[in-house]
Amino acid sequence: MIVEAFKADTTIDVGTRRAGTFHRYGYSTKVISYLDKMVEQRLLISRTTKASGALVISDLLDAYLDDASLILA
């Protein structure tokens, strides 16, 4: 999800934080906690202190992903 957002130069949109919704669609219920930790570490930028709404890839994470894409190319 993060790599795809990087490639498309777009945000990661979190429309719900409900674990039940993630479970219903077959996604890991840990995704939100992982995203929260990324927001806490400032790898993703959120308008709140939690992963909610449109998350923007930080400059630091963008640089890492850009370097990785050059290596893999």
N, C-alpha and C. Protein backbone atom coordinates (compact mmCIF):
# COMPACT_ATOMS: atom_id res chain seq x y z
N MET A 1 0.82 -1.17 0.00
CA MET A 1 0.00 0.00 0.00
C MET A 1 0.87 1.25 0.00
N ILE A 2 1.91 1.26 0.83
CA ILE A 2 2.78 2.42 0.92
C ILE A 2 3.57 2.61 -0.38
N VAL A 3 4.09 1.52 -0.90
CA VAL A 3 4.85 1.59 -2.15
C VAL A 3 3.96 2.04 -3.30
N GLU A 4 2.74 1.54 -3.36
CA GLU A 4 1.81 1.95 -4.42
C GLU A 4 1.48 3.43 -4.31
N ALA A 5 1.29 3.92 -3.08
CA ALA A 5 1.02 5.35 -2.89
C ALA A 5 2.23 6.18 -3.31
N PHE A 6 3.42 5.68 -3.01
CA PHE A 6 4.66 6.36 -3.43
C PHE A 6 4.74 6.42 -4.94
N LYS A 7 4.52 5.28 -5.60
CA LYS A 7 4.61 5.23 -7.06
C LYS A 7 3.58 6.15 -7.73
N ALA A 8 2.39 6.22 -7.16
CA ALA A 8 1.32 7.03 -7.73
C ALA A 8 1.38 8.49 -7.27
N ASP A 9 2.32 8.80 -6.37
CA ASP A 9 2.45 10.15 -5.82
C ASP A 9 1.11 10.63 -5.26
N THR A 10 0.55 9.82 -4.37
CA THR A 10 -0.75 10.13 -3.79
C THR A 10 -0.72 9.85 -2.29
N THR A 11 -1.81 10.13 -1.63
CA THR A 11 -1.91 9.90 -0.19
C THR A 11 -2.39 8.48 0.08
N ILE A 12 -2.23 8.06 1.33
CA ILE A 12 -2.79 6.81 1.82
C ILE A 12 -4.04 7.21 2.60
N ASP A 13 -5.19 6.84 2.10
CA ASP A 13 -6.44 7.28 2.71
C ASP A 13 -6.99 6.23 3.66
N VAL A 14 -7.13 6.61 4.92
CA VAL A 14 -7.67 5.73 5.95
C VAL A 14 -9.07 6.22 6.27
N GLY A 15 -10.06 5.52 5.74
CA GLY A 15 -11.44 5.93 5.92
C GLY A 15 -12.07 5.40 7.19
N THR A 16 -11.49 4.34 7.75
CA THR A 16 -12.01 3.77 8.99
C THR A 16 -10.86 3.23 9.81
N ARG A 17 -11.03 3.22 11.11
CA ARG A 17 -10.04 2.65 12.03
C ARG A 17 -10.61 1.41 12.70
N ARG A 18 -11.80 0.97 12.30
CA ARG A 18 -12.46 -0.16 12.94
C ARG A 18 -11.82 -1.48 12.51
N ALA A 19 -11.32 -2.24 13.49
CA ALA A 19 -10.70 -3.54 13.21
C ALA A 19 -11.69 -4.49 12.54
N GLY A 20 -12.94 -4.41 12.92
CA GLY A 20 -13.97 -5.27 12.34
C GLY A 20 -14.11 -5.07 10.84
N THR A 21 -13.98 -3.85 10.39
CA THR A 21 -14.06 -3.56 8.95
C THR A 21 -12.86 -4.16 8.22
N PHE A 22 -11.69 -4.01 8.80
CA PHE A 22 -10.50 -4.61 8.18
C PHE A 22 -10.64 -6.12 8.12
N HIS A 23 -11.11 -6.72 9.19
CA HIS A 23 -11.29 -8.18 9.24
C HIS A 23 -12.30 -8.64 8.19
N ARG A 24 -13.39 -7.92 8.07
CA ARG A 24 -14.44 -8.29 7.11
C ARG A 24 -13.91 -8.35 5.68
N TYR A 25 -12.99 -7.46 5.34
CA TYR A 25 -12.45 -7.43 3.98
C TYR A 25 -11.18 -8.26 3.83
N GLY A 26 -10.80 -8.98 4.88
CA GLY A 26 -9.66 -9.89 4.80
C GLY A 26 -8.31 -9.24 5.02
N TYR A 27 -8.29 -8.04 5.57
CA TYR A 27 -7.02 -7.36 5.85
C TYR A 27 -6.63 -7.59 7.29
N SER A 28 -5.34 -7.50 7.57
CA SER A 28 -4.86 -7.64 8.94
C SER A 28 -5.43 -6.52 9.81
N THR A 29 -5.84 -6.90 11.00
CA THR A 29 -6.36 -5.90 11.93
C THR A 29 -5.22 -5.10 12.56
N LYS A 30 -3.98 -5.47 12.32
CA LYS A 30 -2.82 -4.76 12.84
C LYS A 30 -2.42 -3.57 11.96
N VAL A 31 -3.00 -3.45 10.77
CA VAL A 31 -2.62 -2.39 9.84
C VAL A 31 -2.71 -1.02 10.50
N ILE A 32 -3.77 -0.75 11.20
CA ILE A 32 -3.95 0.57 11.82
C ILE A 32 -2.86 0.84 12.85
N SER A 33 -2.51 -0.17 13.66
CA SER A 33 -1.46 0.06 14.66
C SER A 33 -0.12 0.30 13.98
N TYR A 34 0.16 -0.39 12.87
CA TYR A 34 1.40 -0.15 12.12
C TYR A 34 1.41 1.27 11.57
N LEU A 35 0.30 1.70 10.99
CA LEU A 35 0.22 3.06 10.45
C LEU A 35 0.34 4.10 11.56
N ASP A 36 -0.30 3.83 12.72
CA ASP A 36 -0.18 4.74 13.87
C ASP A 36 1.28 4.91 14.27
N LYS A 37 2.03 3.81 14.29
CA LYS A 37 3.44 3.90 14.67
C LYS A 37 4.24 4.68 13.63
N MET A 38 3.87 4.55 12.37
CA MET A 38 4.55 5.31 11.33
C MET A 38 4.25 6.81 11.45
N VAL A 39 3.02 7.14 11.85
CA VAL A 39 2.67 8.54 12.10
C VAL A 39 3.45 9.05 13.32
N GLU A 40 3.52 8.23 14.36
CA GLU A 40 4.26 8.59 15.57
C GLU A 40 5.74 8.85 15.27
N GLN A 41 6.32 8.07 14.36
CA GLN A 41 7.73 8.21 14.00
C GLN A 41 7.94 9.24 12.88
N ARG A 42 6.86 9.86 12.43
CA ARG A 42 6.87 10.90 11.39
C ARG A 42 7.32 10.38 10.03
N LEU A 43 7.04 9.10 9.77
CA LEU A 43 7.26 8.55 8.44
C LEU A 43 6.05 8.82 7.55
N LEU A 44 4.89 8.91 8.19
CA LEU A 44 3.65 9.32 7.53
C LEU A 44 3.14 10.55 8.25
N ILE A 45 2.59 11.49 7.52
CA ILE A 45 2.09 12.74 8.10
C ILE A 45 0.56 12.70 8.10
N SER A 46 -0.01 12.94 9.29
CA SER A 46 -1.46 12.94 9.47
C SER A 46 -1.88 14.28 10.05
N ARG A 47 -3.14 14.63 9.87
CA ARG A 47 -3.66 15.87 10.46
C ARG A 47 -3.89 15.72 11.96
N THR A 48 -3.91 14.45 12.42
CA THR A 48 -4.09 14.17 13.85
C THR A 48 -2.87 13.39 14.33
N THR A 49 -2.91 12.93 15.56
CA THR A 49 -1.80 12.13 16.09
C THR A 49 -1.96 10.66 15.76
N LYS A 50 -3.01 10.30 15.07
CA LYS A 50 -3.29 8.91 14.68
C LYS A 50 -3.38 8.81 13.16
N ALA A 51 -3.32 7.57 12.67
CA ALA A 51 -3.47 7.32 11.23
C ALA A 51 -4.95 7.42 10.88
N SER A 52 -5.33 8.55 10.36
CA SER A 52 -6.73 8.80 10.02
C SER A 52 -6.79 9.80 8.88
N GLY A 53 -7.71 9.56 7.96
CA GLY A 53 -7.85 10.48 6.83
C GLY A 53 -6.76 10.26 5.80
N ALA A 54 -6.34 11.33 5.16
CA ALA A 54 -5.31 11.27 4.12
C ALA A 54 -3.93 11.36 4.76
N LEU A 55 -3.15 10.29 4.65
CA LEU A 55 -1.80 10.27 5.18
C LEU A 55 -0.82 10.57 4.06
N VAL A 56 0.11 11.45 4.33
CA VAL A 56 1.10 11.87 3.34
C VAL A 56 2.43 11.21 3.69
N ILE A 57 3.11 10.71 2.68
CA ILE A 57 4.44 10.12 2.89
C ILE A 57 5.41 11.26 3.20
N SER A 58 6.14 11.12 4.31
CA SER A 58 7.07 12.18 4.72
C SER A 58 8.26 12.25 3.77
N ASP A 59 8.98 13.35 3.85
CA ASP A 59 10.17 13.52 3.02
C ASP A 59 11.20 12.42 3.29
N LEU A 60 11.35 12.04 4.56
CA LEU A 60 12.30 11.00 4.91
C LEU A 60 11.94 9.66 4.27
N LEU A 61 10.68 9.23 4.43
CA LEU A 61 10.25 7.97 3.84
C LEU A 61 10.30 8.05 2.32
N ASP A 62 9.96 9.20 1.76
CA ASP A 62 10.02 9.40 0.32
C ASP A 62 11.45 9.18 -0.18
N ALA A 63 12.44 9.71 0.55
CA ALA A 63 13.85 9.55 0.17
C ALA A 63 14.26 8.08 0.21
N TYR A 64 13.85 7.37 1.26
CA TYR A 64 14.17 5.94 1.36
C TYR A 64 13.56 5.16 0.20
N LEU A 65 12.30 5.43 -0.09
CA LEU A 65 11.62 4.71 -1.17
C LEU A 65 12.23 5.07 -2.53
N ASP A 66 12.62 6.32 -2.68
CA ASP A 66 13.24 6.75 -3.93
C ASP A 66 14.59 6.04 -4.13
N ASP A 67 15.38 5.96 -3.07
CA ASP A 67 16.67 5.26 -3.13
C ASP A 67 16.46 3.78 -3.45
N ALA A 68 15.46 3.16 -2.83
CA ALA A 68 15.18 1.74 -3.05
C ALA A 68 14.75 1.51 -4.49
N SER A 69 13.98 2.42 -5.04
CA SER A 69 13.51 2.24 -6.42
C SER A 69 14.67 2.37 -7.41
N LEU A 70 15.67 3.20 -7.09
CA LEU A 70 16.86 3.32 -7.95
C LEU A 70 17.69 2.04 -7.91
N ILE A 71 17.80 1.45 -6.75
CA ILE A 71 18.57 0.21 -6.60
C ILE A 71 17.90 -0.95 -7.35
N LEU A 72 16.58 -1.00 -7.28
CA LEU A 72 15.84 -2.10 -7.88
C LEU A 72 15.64 -1.93 -9.39
N ALA A 73 15.88 -0.73 -9.88
CA ALA A 73 15.65 -0.46 -11.31
C ALA A 73 16.72 -1.06 -12.20
